[in-house]
């Protein structure tokens, strides 16, 4: 049995978000995402065919949801469930410090 740590530090890339798959199975993927000021491009949004549950472990962020339009401000410890086909985008992550996310992707097929 190997023990890992969600807060394990590594070199931070301020230009690109870092995605690390922690676990992957037939119906689930658990991912650690490290953001440093990144946001979804202004002309883009996510429209995923699966459910997603996200938790902000460190930092803060704003997720914009569409239909209806709503900005959800997230701080350390906040989590949200995003149902499949709910259009959204990451509007903001802190450019001064890392925003560390835990994302659980739940595949319905």
N, C-alpha and C. Protein backbone atom coordinates (compact mmCIF):
# COMPACT_ATOMS: atom_id res chain seq x y z
N UNK A 1 0.85 -1.17 0.00
CA UNK A 1 0.00 0.00 0.00
C UNK A 1 0.90 1.24 0.00
N UNK A 2 0.63 2.15 -0.90
CA UNK A 2 1.44 3.37 -1.01
C UNK A 2 0.61 4.56 -0.53
N UNK A 3 1.19 5.37 0.33
CA UNK A 3 0.53 6.57 0.84
C UNK A 3 1.02 7.78 0.06
N UNK A 4 0.09 8.61 -0.38
CA UNK A 4 0.42 9.86 -1.06
C UNK A 4 -0.17 11.01 -0.25
N UNK A 5 0.16 12.24 -0.63
CA UNK A 5 -0.35 13.41 0.08
C UNK A 5 -0.87 14.42 -0.93
N UNK A 6 -2.11 14.86 -0.74
CA UNK A 6 -2.76 15.80 -1.66
C UNK A 6 -2.02 17.13 -1.71
N UNK A 7 -1.31 17.47 -0.63
CA UNK A 7 -0.62 18.75 -0.55
C UNK A 7 0.86 18.66 -0.95
N UNK A 8 1.25 17.51 -1.48
CA UNK A 8 2.63 17.34 -1.94
C UNK A 8 3.00 18.49 -2.86
N UNK A 9 4.12 19.11 -2.57
CA UNK A 9 4.53 20.27 -3.38
C UNK A 9 5.39 19.82 -4.55
N UNK A 10 5.32 20.58 -5.57
CA UNK A 10 6.13 20.38 -6.74
C UNK A 10 6.28 21.74 -7.40
N UNK A 11 7.12 21.83 -8.39
CA UNK A 11 7.32 23.12 -9.07
C UNK A 11 6.01 23.62 -9.66
N UNK A 12 5.67 24.86 -9.36
CA UNK A 12 4.43 25.46 -9.84
C UNK A 12 4.66 26.10 -11.20
N UNK A 13 3.79 25.80 -12.13
CA UNK A 13 3.84 26.39 -13.46
C UNK A 13 2.81 27.52 -13.49
N UNK A 14 3.26 28.76 -13.45
CA UNK A 14 2.35 29.90 -13.41
C UNK A 14 1.67 30.14 -14.75
N UNK A 15 2.14 29.51 -15.80
CA UNK A 15 1.57 29.70 -17.14
C UNK A 15 0.47 28.71 -17.46
N UNK A 16 0.53 27.52 -16.87
CA UNK A 16 -0.40 26.45 -17.22
C UNK A 16 -0.98 25.80 -15.98
N UNK A 17 -2.24 25.45 -16.04
CA UNK A 17 -2.82 24.64 -14.98
C UNK A 17 -2.19 23.25 -15.03
N UNK A 18 -2.06 22.64 -13.87
CA UNK A 18 -1.53 21.28 -13.79
C UNK A 18 -2.65 20.33 -13.38
N UNK A 19 -2.81 19.24 -14.12
CA UNK A 19 -3.83 18.25 -13.86
C UNK A 19 -3.14 16.94 -13.50
N UNK A 20 -3.52 16.36 -12.38
CA UNK A 20 -2.93 15.09 -11.95
C UNK A 20 -4.05 14.12 -11.59
N UNK A 21 -4.13 13.01 -12.32
CA UNK A 21 -5.12 11.99 -12.01
C UNK A 21 -4.64 11.20 -10.80
N UNK A 22 -5.45 11.22 -9.74
CA UNK A 22 -5.12 10.50 -8.51
C UNK A 22 -5.68 9.08 -8.53
N UNK A 23 -6.83 8.92 -9.18
CA UNK A 23 -7.47 7.61 -9.30
C UNK A 23 -8.37 7.63 -10.52
N UNK A 24 -8.43 6.50 -11.22
CA UNK A 24 -9.31 6.40 -12.36
C UNK A 24 -9.90 5.00 -12.42
N UNK A 25 -11.20 4.93 -12.60
CA UNK A 25 -11.90 3.65 -12.72
C UNK A 25 -12.92 3.73 -13.84
N UNK A 26 -13.78 2.71 -13.96
CA UNK A 26 -14.75 2.68 -15.05
C UNK A 26 -15.75 3.82 -14.97
N UNK A 27 -16.17 4.21 -13.78
CA UNK A 27 -17.22 5.21 -13.62
C UNK A 27 -16.78 6.46 -12.88
N UNK A 28 -15.48 6.56 -12.55
CA UNK A 28 -15.03 7.69 -11.74
C UNK A 28 -13.58 8.05 -12.06
N UNK A 29 -13.29 9.34 -11.99
CA UNK A 29 -11.91 9.81 -12.07
C UNK A 29 -11.75 10.89 -11.01
N UNK A 30 -10.72 10.77 -10.20
CA UNK A 30 -10.42 11.77 -9.17
C UNK A 30 -9.15 12.48 -9.60
N UNK A 31 -9.23 13.80 -9.61
CA UNK A 31 -8.17 14.61 -10.20
C UNK A 31 -7.79 15.76 -9.26
N UNK A 32 -6.51 16.04 -9.17
CA UNK A 32 -6.02 17.23 -8.48
C UNK A 32 -5.65 18.25 -9.55
N UNK A 33 -6.16 19.47 -9.38
CA UNK A 33 -5.90 20.54 -10.34
C UNK A 33 -5.24 21.69 -9.60
N UNK A 34 -4.14 22.18 -10.14
CA UNK A 34 -3.43 23.32 -9.56
C UNK A 34 -3.52 24.49 -10.53
N UNK A 35 -4.14 25.58 -10.06
CA UNK A 35 -4.31 26.78 -10.89
C UNK A 35 -3.54 27.93 -10.25
N UNK A 36 -3.05 28.81 -11.08
CA UNK A 36 -2.31 29.98 -10.59
C UNK A 36 -2.72 31.17 -11.44
N UNK A 37 -3.97 31.60 -11.29
CA UNK A 37 -4.48 32.73 -12.06
C UNK A 37 -5.14 32.34 -13.37
N UNK A 38 -5.19 31.05 -13.69
CA UNK A 38 -5.81 30.64 -14.94
C UNK A 38 -7.33 30.71 -14.84
N UNK A 39 -7.94 30.89 -15.99
CA UNK A 39 -9.39 30.88 -16.13
C UNK A 39 -9.71 30.26 -17.49
N UNK A 40 -10.95 29.85 -17.66
CA UNK A 40 -11.38 29.34 -18.95
C UNK A 40 -11.35 30.49 -19.95
N UNK A 41 -10.85 30.27 -21.17
CA UNK A 41 -10.84 31.36 -22.16
C UNK A 41 -12.22 31.99 -22.31
N UNK A 42 -12.25 33.29 -22.53
CA UNK A 42 -13.50 34.08 -22.55
C UNK A 42 -14.52 33.55 -23.55
N UNK A 43 -14.08 32.96 -24.64
CA UNK A 43 -15.00 32.49 -25.68
C UNK A 43 -15.31 30.99 -25.56
N UNK A 44 -15.05 30.42 -24.37
CA UNK A 44 -15.19 28.98 -24.20
C UNK A 44 -15.95 28.68 -22.92
N UNK A 45 -16.48 27.48 -22.81
CA UNK A 45 -17.06 27.01 -21.56
C UNK A 45 -17.05 25.48 -21.58
N UNK A 46 -17.26 24.90 -20.40
CA UNK A 46 -17.36 23.45 -20.28
C UNK A 46 -18.82 23.05 -20.42
N UNK A 47 -19.05 21.95 -21.13
CA UNK A 47 -20.38 21.37 -21.26
C UNK A 47 -20.16 19.86 -21.29
N UNK A 48 -19.91 19.32 -20.11
CA UNK A 48 -19.47 17.93 -19.97
C UNK A 48 -20.64 16.96 -19.99
N UNK A 49 -20.40 15.77 -20.48
CA UNK A 49 -21.42 14.73 -20.52
C UNK A 49 -21.44 13.89 -19.25
N UNK A 50 -20.74 14.30 -18.21
CA UNK A 50 -20.67 13.59 -16.95
C UNK A 50 -20.84 14.59 -15.79
N UNK A 51 -21.21 14.05 -14.63
CA UNK A 51 -21.30 14.85 -13.42
C UNK A 51 -19.90 15.12 -12.88
N UNK A 52 -19.77 16.24 -12.15
CA UNK A 52 -18.49 16.57 -11.53
C UNK A 52 -18.74 17.22 -10.17
N UNK A 53 -17.95 16.81 -9.21
CA UNK A 53 -17.98 17.40 -7.87
C UNK A 53 -16.60 18.01 -7.66
N UNK A 54 -16.54 19.31 -7.32
CA UNK A 54 -15.24 19.97 -7.14
C UNK A 54 -15.17 20.62 -5.76
N UNK A 55 -13.97 20.56 -5.17
CA UNK A 55 -13.67 21.11 -3.86
C UNK A 55 -12.44 21.99 -3.98
N UNK A 56 -12.49 23.19 -3.42
CA UNK A 56 -11.31 24.04 -3.36
C UNK A 56 -10.58 23.72 -2.04
N UNK A 57 -9.39 23.15 -2.16
CA UNK A 57 -8.59 22.80 -0.99
C UNK A 57 -7.76 23.99 -0.51
N UNK A 58 -7.26 24.78 -1.45
CA UNK A 58 -6.47 25.98 -1.16
C UNK A 58 -6.85 27.05 -2.15
N UNK A 59 -6.72 28.32 -1.74
CA UNK A 59 -6.95 29.43 -2.65
C UNK A 59 -8.43 29.77 -2.77
N UNK A 60 -8.77 30.40 -3.89
CA UNK A 60 -10.16 30.76 -4.15
C UNK A 60 -10.38 30.86 -5.64
N UNK A 61 -11.65 30.82 -6.01
CA UNK A 61 -12.01 30.79 -7.43
C UNK A 61 -13.44 31.29 -7.60
N UNK A 62 -13.78 31.58 -8.84
CA UNK A 62 -15.15 31.90 -9.21
C UNK A 62 -15.52 31.01 -10.40
N UNK A 63 -16.63 30.29 -10.25
CA UNK A 63 -17.16 29.49 -11.36
C UNK A 63 -18.43 30.19 -11.84
N UNK A 64 -18.51 30.43 -13.13
CA UNK A 64 -19.71 31.02 -13.73
C UNK A 64 -20.54 29.91 -14.35
N UNK A 65 -21.80 29.85 -13.95
CA UNK A 65 -22.75 28.90 -14.51
C UNK A 65 -23.69 29.65 -15.45
N UNK A 66 -24.14 28.96 -16.49
CA UNK A 66 -25.06 29.54 -17.47
C UNK A 66 -26.41 28.84 -17.37
N UNK A 67 -27.43 29.58 -17.77
CA UNK A 67 -28.79 29.05 -17.89
C UNK A 67 -29.31 28.48 -16.58
N UNK A 68 -29.56 29.25 -15.53
CA UNK A 68 -29.42 30.71 -15.49
C UNK A 68 -27.98 31.11 -15.14
N UNK A 69 -27.64 32.35 -15.48
CA UNK A 69 -26.30 32.87 -15.21
C UNK A 69 -26.15 33.11 -13.71
N UNK A 70 -25.06 32.56 -13.16
CA UNK A 70 -24.77 32.73 -11.74
C UNK A 70 -23.27 32.56 -11.52
N UNK A 71 -22.66 33.50 -10.79
CA UNK A 71 -21.27 33.38 -10.40
C UNK A 71 -21.21 32.81 -8.99
N UNK A 72 -20.47 31.72 -8.82
CA UNK A 72 -20.33 31.08 -7.52
C UNK A 72 -18.90 31.33 -7.05
N UNK A 73 -18.77 32.07 -5.95
CA UNK A 73 -17.47 32.36 -5.36
C UNK A 73 -17.11 31.21 -4.42
N UNK A 74 -15.91 30.67 -4.61
CA UNK A 74 -15.47 29.52 -3.82
C UNK A 74 -14.20 29.86 -3.05
N UNK A 75 -14.20 29.51 -1.78
CA UNK A 75 -13.05 29.69 -0.90
C UNK A 75 -12.61 28.32 -0.41
N UNK A 76 -11.52 28.29 0.32
CA UNK A 76 -11.00 27.02 0.85
C UNK A 76 -12.09 26.27 1.60
N UNK A 77 -12.27 25.02 1.23
CA UNK A 77 -13.27 24.17 1.87
C UNK A 77 -14.61 24.14 1.17
N UNK A 78 -14.84 25.06 0.24
CA UNK A 78 -16.11 25.09 -0.49
C UNK A 78 -16.12 24.03 -1.60
N UNK A 79 -17.28 23.42 -1.79
CA UNK A 79 -17.43 22.45 -2.87
C UNK A 79 -18.77 22.65 -3.55
N UNK A 80 -18.85 22.16 -4.78
CA UNK A 80 -20.08 22.29 -5.56
C UNK A 80 -20.22 21.05 -6.46
N UNK A 81 -21.46 20.65 -6.67
CA UNK A 81 -21.77 19.56 -7.59
C UNK A 81 -22.22 20.18 -8.90
N UNK A 82 -21.61 19.75 -10.00
CA UNK A 82 -21.95 20.26 -11.32
C UNK A 82 -22.57 19.10 -12.12
N UNK A 83 -23.88 19.14 -12.35
CA UNK A 83 -24.50 18.04 -13.10
C UNK A 83 -24.05 18.03 -14.56
N UNK A 84 -24.17 16.87 -15.16
CA UNK A 84 -23.84 16.72 -16.59
C UNK A 84 -24.59 17.75 -17.41
N UNK A 85 -23.92 18.28 -18.43
CA UNK A 85 -24.49 19.23 -19.38
C UNK A 85 -24.88 20.57 -18.77
N UNK A 86 -24.33 20.89 -17.60
CA UNK A 86 -24.52 22.22 -17.01
C UNK A 86 -23.34 23.08 -17.49
N UNK A 87 -23.64 24.00 -18.40
CA UNK A 87 -22.58 24.84 -18.97
C UNK A 87 -21.98 25.72 -17.88
N UNK A 88 -20.63 25.76 -17.85
CA UNK A 88 -19.93 26.54 -16.83
C UNK A 88 -18.53 26.86 -17.32
N UNK A 89 -17.90 27.78 -16.63
CA UNK A 89 -16.51 28.14 -16.91
C UNK A 89 -15.87 28.60 -15.62
N UNK A 90 -14.56 28.45 -15.53
CA UNK A 90 -13.81 29.02 -14.41
C UNK A 90 -13.53 30.47 -14.79
N UNK A 91 -14.14 31.37 -14.06
CA UNK A 91 -14.04 32.80 -14.34
C UNK A 91 -12.79 33.41 -13.73
N UNK A 92 -12.34 32.83 -12.58
CA UNK A 92 -11.23 33.44 -11.85
C UNK A 92 -10.56 32.41 -10.95
N UNK A 93 -9.24 32.43 -10.90
CA UNK A 93 -8.46 31.83 -9.82
C UNK A 93 -7.41 32.85 -9.42
N UNK A 94 -7.01 32.81 -8.18
CA UNK A 94 -6.12 33.81 -7.61
C UNK A 94 -4.77 33.83 -8.34
N UNK A 95 -4.36 34.99 -8.87
CA UNK A 95 -3.07 35.07 -9.56
C UNK A 95 -1.88 35.20 -8.61
N UNK A 96 -2.14 35.41 -7.33
CA UNK A 96 -1.07 35.62 -6.34
C UNK A 96 -0.68 34.36 -5.59
N UNK A 97 -1.57 33.38 -5.54
CA UNK A 97 -1.26 32.13 -4.85
C UNK A 97 -2.00 30.98 -5.52
N UNK A 98 -1.54 29.80 -5.27
CA UNK A 98 -2.09 28.62 -5.92
C UNK A 98 -3.53 28.36 -5.46
N UNK A 99 -4.36 27.96 -6.40
CA UNK A 99 -5.68 27.42 -6.10
C UNK A 99 -5.60 25.92 -6.37
N UNK A 100 -5.82 25.15 -5.34
CA UNK A 100 -5.72 23.69 -5.43
C UNK A 100 -7.13 23.10 -5.36
N UNK A 101 -7.50 22.38 -6.41
CA UNK A 101 -8.83 21.78 -6.53
C UNK A 101 -8.75 20.26 -6.38
N UNK A 102 -9.81 19.67 -5.89
CA UNK A 102 -10.01 18.24 -5.99
C UNK A 102 -11.28 18.05 -6.81
N UNK A 103 -11.18 17.37 -7.93
CA UNK A 103 -12.32 17.17 -8.83
C UNK A 103 -12.63 15.68 -8.92
N UNK A 104 -13.90 15.36 -8.76
CA UNK A 104 -14.37 13.99 -8.90
C UNK A 104 -15.31 13.96 -10.10
N UNK A 105 -14.91 13.25 -11.15
CA UNK A 105 -15.70 13.11 -12.37
C UNK A 105 -16.46 11.78 -12.27
N UNK A 106 -17.78 11.85 -12.43
CA UNK A 106 -18.63 10.67 -12.28
C UNK A 106 -19.27 10.38 -13.63
N UNK A 107 -18.88 9.28 -14.22
CA UNK A 107 -19.33 8.91 -15.56
C UNK A 107 -20.61 8.07 -15.44
N UNK A 108 -21.63 8.47 -16.17
CA UNK A 108 -22.95 7.85 -16.03
C UNK A 108 -23.16 6.64 -16.93
N UNK A 109 -22.29 6.39 -17.86
CA UNK A 109 -22.46 5.24 -18.78
C UNK A 109 -21.90 3.98 -18.19
